[in-house]
C-alpha atoms as a PDB file:
ATOM      1  CA  MET A   1       0.000   0.000   0.000  1.00  0.00           C
ATOM      2  CA  PRO A   2       2.636   2.656   0.859  1.00  0.00           C
ATOM      3  CA  SER A   3       4.335   2.137  -2.524  1.00  0.00           C
ATOM      4  CA  ASN A   4       1.003   2.899  -4.220  1.00  0.00           C
ATOM      5  CA  VAL A   5       0.660   6.161  -2.274  1.00  0.00           C
ATOM      6  CA  GLY A   6       4.179   7.086  -3.368  1.00  0.00           C
ATOM      7  CA  MET A   7       3.199   6.567  -6.988  1.00  0.00           C
ATOM      8  CA  GLU A   8       0.132   8.806  -6.626  1.00  0.00           C
ATOM      9  CA  VAL A   9       2.160  11.583  -5.048  1.00  0.00           C
ATOM     10  CA  ARG A  10       4.727  11.232  -7.793  1.00  0.00           C
ATOM     11  CA  GLN A  11       2.014  11.393 -10.454  1.00  0.00           C
ATOM     12  CA  ASP A  12       0.573  14.559  -8.880  1.00  0.00           C
ATOM     13  CA  HIS A  13       4.029  16.087  -8.832  1.00  0.00           C
ATOM     14  CA  GLU A  14       4.469  15.149 -12.490  1.00  0.00           C
ATOM     15  CA  ASN A  15       1.139  16.770 -13.413  1.00  0.00           C
ATOM     16  CA  VAL A  16       2.003  19.961 -11.567  1.00  0.00           C
ATOM     17  CA  TYR A  17       5.391  20.027 -13.286  1.00  0.00           C
ATOM     18  CA  GLN A  18       3.822  19.517 -16.730  1.00  0.00           C
ATOM     19  CA  GLN A  19       1.265  22.267 -16.094  1.00  0.00           C
ATOM     20  CA  THR A  20       3.930  24.679 -14.873  1.00  0.00           C
ATOM     21  CA  PHE A  21       6.104  23.863 -17.846  1.00  0.00           C
ATOM     22  CA  SER A  22       3.316  24.430 -20.371  1.00  0.00           C
ATOM     23  CA  ASP A  23       2.260  27.691 -18.670  1.00  0.00           C
ATOM     24  CA  GLU A  24       5.860  28.869 -18.797  1.00  0.00           C
ATOM     25  CA  LYS A  25       6.176  27.885 -22.461  1.00  0.00           C
ATOM     26  CA  GLU A  26       2.981  29.782 -23.246  1.00  0.00           C
ATOM     27  CA  ARG A  27       4.341  32.899 -21.536  1.00  0.00           C
ATOM     28  CA  VAL A  28       7.578  32.643 -23.503  1.00  0.00           C
ATOM     29  CA  ASP A  29       5.680  32.135 -26.781  1.00  0.00           C
ATOM     30  CA  ASP A  30       3.538  35.187 -25.999  1.00  0.00           C
ATOM     31  CA  ALA A  31       6.631  37.251 -25.237  1.00  0.00           C
ATOM     32  CA  ILE A  32       8.211  36.175 -28.533  1.00  0.00           C
ATOM     33  CA  GLU A  33       5.053  37.126 -30.435  1.00  0.00           C
ATOM     34  CA  ILE A  34       4.821  40.515 -28.708  1.00  0.00           C
ATOM     35  CA  ASN A  35       8.498  41.130 -29.376  1.00  0.00           C
ATOM     36  CA  ALA A  36       8.088  40.225 -33.052  1.00  0.00           C
ATOM     37  CA  ALA A  37       5.081  42.538 -33.356  1.00  0.00           C
ATOM     38  CA  GLN A  38       7.043  45.398 -31.772  1.00  0.00           C
ATOM     39  CA  MET A  39       9.967  44.800 -34.112  1.00  0.00           C
ATOM     40  CA  GLN A  40       7.617  44.817 -37.100  1.00  0.00           C
ATOM     41  CA  ASN A  41       6.030  47.996 -35.792  1.00  0.00           C
ATOM     42  CA  ARG A  42       9.415  49.686 -35.470  1.00  0.00           C
ATOM     43  CA  LYS A  43      10.379  48.618 -38.981  1.00  0.00           C
ATOM     44  CA  GLU A  44       7.196  50.111 -40.389  1.00  0.00           C
ATOM     45  CA  LYS A  45       7.723  53.375 -38.495  1.00  0.00           C
ATOM     46  CA  THR A  46      11.312  53.552 -39.725  1.00  0.00           C
ATOM     47  CA  HIS A  47      10.105  52.859 -43.231  1.00  0.00           C
ATOM     48  CA  VAL A  48       7.589  55.714 -43.009  1.00  0.00           C
ATOM     49  CA  ASN A  49      10.294  58.024 -41.649  1.00  0.00           C
ATOM     50  CA  THR A  50      12.640  57.258 -44.529  1.00  0.00           C
ATOM     51  CA  GLN A  51       9.832  57.897 -47.005  1.00  0.00           C
ATOM     52  CA  VAL A  52       8.989  61.262 -45.469  1.00  0.00           C
ATOM     53  CA  PHE A  53      12.536  62.491 -44.894  1.00  0.00           C
ATOM     54  CA  GLY A  54      14.446  60.442 -47.468  1.00  0.00           C
END
């Protein structure tokens, strides 16, 4: 019986770890997307500036 309890606890720990990992990955993916959008935005602004002043 105690070995079974150990397995359950381990499984719970594994689930928590997986959830944390996927949440973290999602945050990183979001940050990458936001960063890419900002870069694109800056490029477009720079492009407009060169058209106006260039």
